[in-house]
Protein backbone atom coordinates (compact mmCIF):
# COMPACT_ATOMS: atom_id res chain seq x y z
CA MET A 1 -34.48 13.56 2.18
CA ASP A 2 -34.93 10.67 -0.23
CA TRP A 3 -31.53 11.64 -1.67
CA LEU A 4 -29.78 10.71 1.59
CA ARG A 5 -29.28 7.01 2.35
CA VAL A 6 -28.16 6.01 5.82
CA GLU A 7 -27.93 2.30 6.66
CA PRO A 8 -26.93 1.95 10.32
CA GLY A 9 -24.86 -0.96 11.55
CA ASP A 10 -23.52 -1.90 14.96
CA ALA A 11 -19.84 -2.26 14.05
CA PRO A 12 -17.52 0.68 14.92
CA LEU A 13 -16.93 1.58 11.27
CA ILE A 14 -18.69 4.05 8.97
CA VAL A 15 -18.11 4.09 5.21
CA ALA A 16 -19.21 7.34 3.55
CA PHE A 17 -19.84 7.98 -0.15
CA PRO A 18 -19.96 11.72 -0.86
CA HIS A 19 -19.43 11.63 -4.62
CA GLY A 20 -21.32 8.62 -5.98
CA GLY A 21 -24.61 10.46 -6.59
CA THR A 22 -26.03 11.28 -10.01
CA GLY A 23 -29.04 13.41 -9.03
CA LEU A 24 -28.95 16.95 -10.40
CA ALA A 25 -31.66 18.33 -8.07
CA GLY A 26 -33.80 19.64 -10.91
CA LEU A 27 -30.94 21.75 -12.25
CA ASP A 28 -30.38 19.68 -15.40
CA ALA A 29 -31.12 22.53 -17.81
CA GLU A 30 -28.59 24.82 -16.10
CA PHE A 31 -25.69 22.54 -16.90
CA ILE A 32 -24.20 22.23 -20.36
CA SER A 33 -25.62 18.70 -20.35
CA PRO A 34 -26.43 16.06 -17.72
CA TRP A 35 -23.60 13.87 -19.03
CA HIS A 36 -21.22 16.82 -18.77
CA ALA A 37 -22.34 17.49 -15.18
CA LEU A 38 -21.88 13.85 -14.16
CA PHE A 39 -18.49 13.38 -15.82
CA ASP A 40 -16.49 13.43 -12.56
CA THR A 41 -18.79 11.16 -10.55
CA ASP A 42 -17.07 8.52 -8.40
CA TRP A 43 -18.58 5.87 -10.67
CA TRP A 44 -19.73 2.60 -9.06
CA ILE A 45 -18.12 3.46 -5.73
CA GLY A 46 -21.09 2.12 -3.75
CA GLU A 47 -21.02 -1.16 -5.63
CA LEU A 48 -17.33 -1.65 -4.83
CA TYR A 49 -18.03 -1.51 -1.12
CA ASP A 50 -21.42 -3.25 -1.16
CA SER A 51 -20.16 -6.18 0.92
CA VAL A 52 -19.38 -4.02 3.96
CA ARG A 53 -23.02 -4.03 5.09
CA ALA A 54 -22.78 -7.74 5.83
CA LEU A 55 -20.05 -6.85 8.34
CA GLY A 56 -22.37 -4.58 10.31
CA VAL A 57 -20.76 -1.45 8.90
CA THR A 58 -22.78 1.77 8.74
CA THR A 59 -22.95 3.35 5.28
CA ILE A 60 -23.90 6.94 4.44
CA ALA A 61 -24.42 7.96 0.82
CA THR A 62 -25.87 10.87 -1.10
CA ASP A 63 -27.69 10.61 -4.41
CA ILE A 64 -26.91 14.27 -5.14
CA SER A 65 -24.16 14.86 -7.70
CA ARG A 66 -20.97 16.60 -6.67
CA SER A 67 -21.69 19.10 -9.47
CA VAL A 68 -24.69 20.37 -7.49
CA ILE A 69 -22.70 20.64 -4.26
CA ASP A 70 -19.56 18.88 -3.10
CA MET A 71 -20.18 17.17 0.23
CA ASN A 72 -16.42 16.88 0.78
CA ARG A 73 -15.64 20.60 0.64
CA ASP A 74 -15.37 23.06 3.49
CA PRO A 75 -18.82 24.70 3.86
CA SER A 76 -17.10 28.08 4.24
CA GLY A 77 -15.77 27.75 0.69
CA ALA A 78 -12.13 27.76 1.83
CA SER A 79 -9.82 25.74 -0.39
CA LEU A 80 -8.53 22.43 0.97
CA TYR A 81 -5.52 22.62 -1.33
CA PRO A 82 -4.34 26.25 -1.46
CA GLY A 83 -2.26 26.96 -4.52
CA GLN A 84 -3.37 23.80 -6.33
CA ALA A 85 -6.10 23.31 -8.90
CA THR A 86 -9.33 22.09 -7.35
CA THR A 87 -13.09 22.55 -7.60
CA GLU A 88 -15.34 24.63 -5.37
CA LEU A 89 -18.10 23.88 -2.87
CA CYS A 90 -20.54 24.31 -5.77
CA PRO A 91 -18.23 23.45 -8.68
CA THR A 92 -18.24 25.71 -11.71
CA THR A 93 -15.90 23.49 -13.75
CA ARG A 94 -15.12 19.84 -14.23
CA PHE A 95 -11.77 18.50 -13.03
CA ASP A 96 -10.33 19.19 -16.47
CA GLY A 97 -11.34 22.85 -16.30
CA ALA A 98 -14.28 22.62 -18.71
CA PRO A 99 -17.16 24.89 -17.56
CA LEU A 100 -20.18 23.12 -16.09
CA TYR A 101 -22.88 25.75 -16.56
CA ARG A 102 -24.63 26.72 -19.76
CA TYR A 103 -25.24 30.33 -18.73
CA GLY A 104 -24.58 31.74 -15.26
CA GLU A 105 -22.86 30.19 -12.27
CA PRO A 106 -24.61 29.86 -8.88
CA ASP A 107 -24.56 33.06 -6.81
CA GLU A 108 -24.09 33.25 -3.04
CA ALA A 109 -27.81 32.88 -2.33
CA GLU A 110 -28.00 29.75 -4.45
CA ILE A 111 -24.87 28.28 -2.87
CA THR A 112 -26.37 28.88 0.58
CA ARG A 113 -29.62 27.23 -0.50
CA ARG A 114 -27.78 24.09 -1.64
CA LEU A 115 -25.64 24.13 1.48
CA ASN A 116 -28.73 24.09 3.70
CA LEU A 117 -30.63 21.55 1.61
CA TYR A 118 -27.88 18.99 1.03
CA HIS A 119 -24.46 19.59 2.55
CA ARG A 120 -25.60 20.20 6.12
CA PRO A 121 -28.05 17.27 6.32
CA TYR A 122 -25.38 14.94 4.91
CA HIS A 123 -22.90 15.98 7.59
CA ASP A 124 -25.57 15.97 10.28
CA ALA A 125 -26.05 12.30 9.37
CA ILE A 126 -22.33 11.57 9.69
CA ALA A 127 -22.09 13.40 13.02
CA GLY A 128 -25.18 11.59 14.30
CA GLN A 129 -23.91 8.14 13.38
CA LEU A 130 -20.49 8.87 14.86
CA ALA A 131 -22.12 9.94 18.13
CA ARG A 132 -24.34 6.84 18.16
CA LEU A 133 -21.41 4.48 17.69
CA ARG A 134 -19.06 6.33 20.04
CA ALA A 135 -21.64 5.91 22.78
CA VAL A 136 -20.98 2.17 22.72
CA HIS A 137 -17.46 1.84 21.26
CA PRO A 138 -14.18 3.28 22.61
CA ARG A 139 -13.15 4.18 19.08
CA VAL A 140 -14.78 4.46 15.69
CA VAL A 141 -13.31 4.67 12.19
CA LEU A 142 -14.79 6.92 9.51
CA TYR A 143 -13.67 5.70 6.09
CA ASP A 144 -14.36 8.18 3.28
CA ALA A 145 -14.61 6.29 -0.01
CA HIS A 146 -13.66 7.96 -3.30
CA SER A 147 -12.48 7.23 -6.82
CA ILE A 148 -11.19 9.27 -9.74
CA ARG A 149 -9.90 8.77 -13.27
CA SER A 150 -6.26 7.72 -13.42
CA HIS A 151 -5.23 10.68 -15.59
CA VAL A 152 -6.42 14.21 -14.84
CA PRO A 153 -3.57 16.50 -15.98
CA ARG A 154 -5.08 19.63 -14.42
CA LEU A 155 -5.04 18.03 -10.97
CA PHE A 156 -1.89 15.89 -11.03
CA ASP A 157 0.97 14.85 -13.31
CA GLY A 158 1.08 11.44 -14.94
CA GLU A 159 -0.81 8.43 -13.67
CA LEU A 160 -2.33 8.51 -10.20
CA PRO A 161 -1.29 5.67 -7.87
CA GLN A 162 -3.94 2.97 -7.53
CA PHE A 163 -4.48 3.48 -3.79
CA ASN A 164 -4.32 7.03 -2.41
CA ILE A 165 -4.53 7.11 1.38
CA GLY A 166 -5.28 10.45 3.01
CA THR A 167 -4.92 11.30 6.71
CA ASN A 168 -3.96 14.98 6.41
CA GLY A 169 -0.35 14.21 7.21
CA GLY A 170 -1.20 11.71 9.93
CA GLU A 171 -3.43 14.08 11.90
CA THR A 172 -6.82 12.44 11.38
CA CYS A 173 -6.17 8.89 12.58
CA ALA A 174 -3.76 6.84 14.63
CA GLY A 175 -0.49 5.97 12.93
CA GLU A 176 -1.28 2.31 13.56
CA LEU A 177 -4.35 2.47 11.31
CA GLU A 178 -2.58 4.40 8.57
CA ALA A 179 0.33 1.95 8.63
CA ALA A 180 -1.91 -1.13 8.52
CA ILE A 181 -3.81 0.10 5.47
CA ALA A 182 -0.63 1.27 3.73
CA ALA A 183 0.95 -2.15 4.30
CA ILE A 184 -1.99 -3.92 2.67
CA CYS A 185 -1.83 -1.61 -0.34
CA ALA A 186 1.94 -2.05 -0.62
CA ALA A 187 1.57 -5.84 -0.59
CA SER A 188 -1.21 -5.81 -3.19
CA GLY A 189 1.06 -5.46 -6.20
CA HIS A 190 -0.58 -2.14 -7.06
CA SER A 191 0.90 1.31 -6.59
CA HIS A 192 -0.03 3.35 -3.54
CA VAL A 193 0.82 6.59 -1.76
CA VAL A 194 0.08 8.04 1.67
CA ASN A 195 -0.80 11.74 1.79
CA GLY A 196 0.16 12.36 -1.81
CA ARG A 197 -2.00 14.54 -4.06
CA PHE A 198 -5.09 13.66 -2.00
CA LYS A 199 -4.49 14.14 1.71
CA GLY A 200 -8.12 13.85 2.77
CA GLY A 201 -10.95 16.26 2.15
CA TRP A 202 -13.15 18.18 4.55
CA THR A 203 -14.86 15.06 5.87
CA THR A 204 -11.60 13.45 6.93
CA ARG A 205 -10.15 16.66 8.34
CA HIS A 206 -13.32 17.76 10.11
CA TYR A 207 -14.19 14.51 11.91
CA GLY A 208 -10.78 12.94 12.45
CA ARG A 209 -10.08 13.39 16.17
CA PRO A 210 -7.93 10.44 17.26
CA ASP A 211 -7.60 11.77 20.81
CA GLU A 212 -11.40 11.68 21.07
CA GLY A 213 -11.76 8.17 19.66
CA VAL A 214 -12.74 9.11 16.08
CA HIS A 215 -10.23 8.06 13.42
CA ALA A 216 -10.89 9.29 9.88
CA ILE A 217 -9.16 8.16 6.71
CA GLN A 218 -9.81 8.81 3.03
CA MET A 219 -9.24 6.29 0.26
CA GLU A 220 -9.08 7.64 -3.28
CA LEU A 221 -9.01 4.82 -5.83
CA ALA A 222 -7.75 5.22 -9.38
CA MET A 223 -10.64 3.93 -11.51
CA ARG A 224 -8.44 1.70 -13.66
CA GLY A 225 -8.50 -0.80 -10.81
CA TYR A 226 -12.15 -1.64 -11.39
CA LEU A 227 -13.10 -0.50 -14.91
CA THR A 228 -11.55 0.18 -18.31
CA GLU A 229 -10.88 3.88 -18.70
CA PRO A 230 -11.17 5.23 -22.27
CA ASP A 231 -8.38 7.56 -23.39
CA THR A 232 -10.89 10.26 -24.30
CA PRO A 233 -14.26 9.56 -22.66
CA THR A 234 -17.40 10.27 -24.68
CA ALA A 235 -21.09 9.92 -23.95
CA ALA A 236 -20.95 6.59 -25.80
CA ASP A 237 -18.34 4.98 -23.51
CA TRP A 238 -18.40 6.91 -20.21
CA PRO A 239 -19.05 5.80 -17.59
CA ALA A 240 -17.51 2.46 -18.45
CA PRO A 241 -19.11 -0.59 -16.81
CA VAL A 242 -17.59 -1.94 -13.65
CA ASP A 243 -15.38 -5.00 -14.07
CA PRO A 244 -17.18 -8.09 -12.70
CA ASN A 245 -13.93 -9.14 -10.98
CA PRO A 246 -12.01 -5.96 -10.16
CA ALA A 247 -8.28 -6.47 -9.72
CA ILE A 248 -8.25 -4.38 -6.56
CA MET A 249 -11.03 -6.18 -4.70
CA PRO A 250 -8.86 -8.59 -2.66
CA ALA A 251 -6.84 -5.68 -1.29
CA LEU A 252 -9.91 -3.52 -0.77
CA ARG A 253 -11.57 -6.21 1.33
CA LEU A 254 -8.42 -6.48 3.45
CA VAL A 255 -8.36 -2.70 3.88
CA ILE A 256 -11.92 -2.71 5.25
CA ALA A 257 -11.10 -5.66 7.50
CA ALA A 258 -8.06 -3.82 8.85
CA ALA A 259 -10.09 -0.69 9.57
CA LEU A 260 -12.70 -2.78 11.37
CA ASP A 261 -10.08 -4.71 13.35
CA PHE A 262 -8.43 -1.48 14.42
CA ALA A 263 -11.76 0.01 15.52
CA LYS A 264 -12.45 -3.12 17.57
CA GLY A 265 -9.00 -3.01 19.13
CA GLN A 266 -7.89 -6.18 17.35
CA LYS A 267 -4.57 -6.79 15.62
């Protein structure tokens, strides 16, 4: 379990990082290359939100790469976006459609093995921390932190908005929380969308139960807001280093503050 990092806090906010890991679980030789397998990592996502721990926020992160198993997919394998291009529970391609595996893809037995070893413990940790905090707070916010390259033609047309807020059409959190975060993003000077291409993955949809005091929201950041994206990434320039002063940080800090204020019942 050294791949799972849970840092409990007392504030009624959890920030989860399902896609920041770079560990390939000993499967390196099965992929076309380690760099190829790590291409779609949510690069530097943990560093962007590092300051939340000083606010008493609980963080949950996995060091396992999304190419081994995607912690934000339905464990049944059902698609979260029927009819749209996406990747599986155990992805067989990158976002751009390039195959991940050198030879054969994981079979059902191997998928089940990874599910039991990684996916279930990760979500057991989320469920456990939510229960711990709900025992002492009337409401808790689960904030699922993501990032992606600004241009991925197979997944979406053109340039992705800078801030992509997902609440599964308003079902996973109170409208007040969604509106507060959207207002901050709108005032930031950067583009944003609510429930656009990314409406929230399995984490947001599974745990978001506003009527039961658990409000879940996903934030998908376009990477251009905190690093320089090469037009055609290569092993020599990808991942790009994080900008020491990311343009989106002022707004991102306000977003976290708004989520925390909402969880505490403050305006």
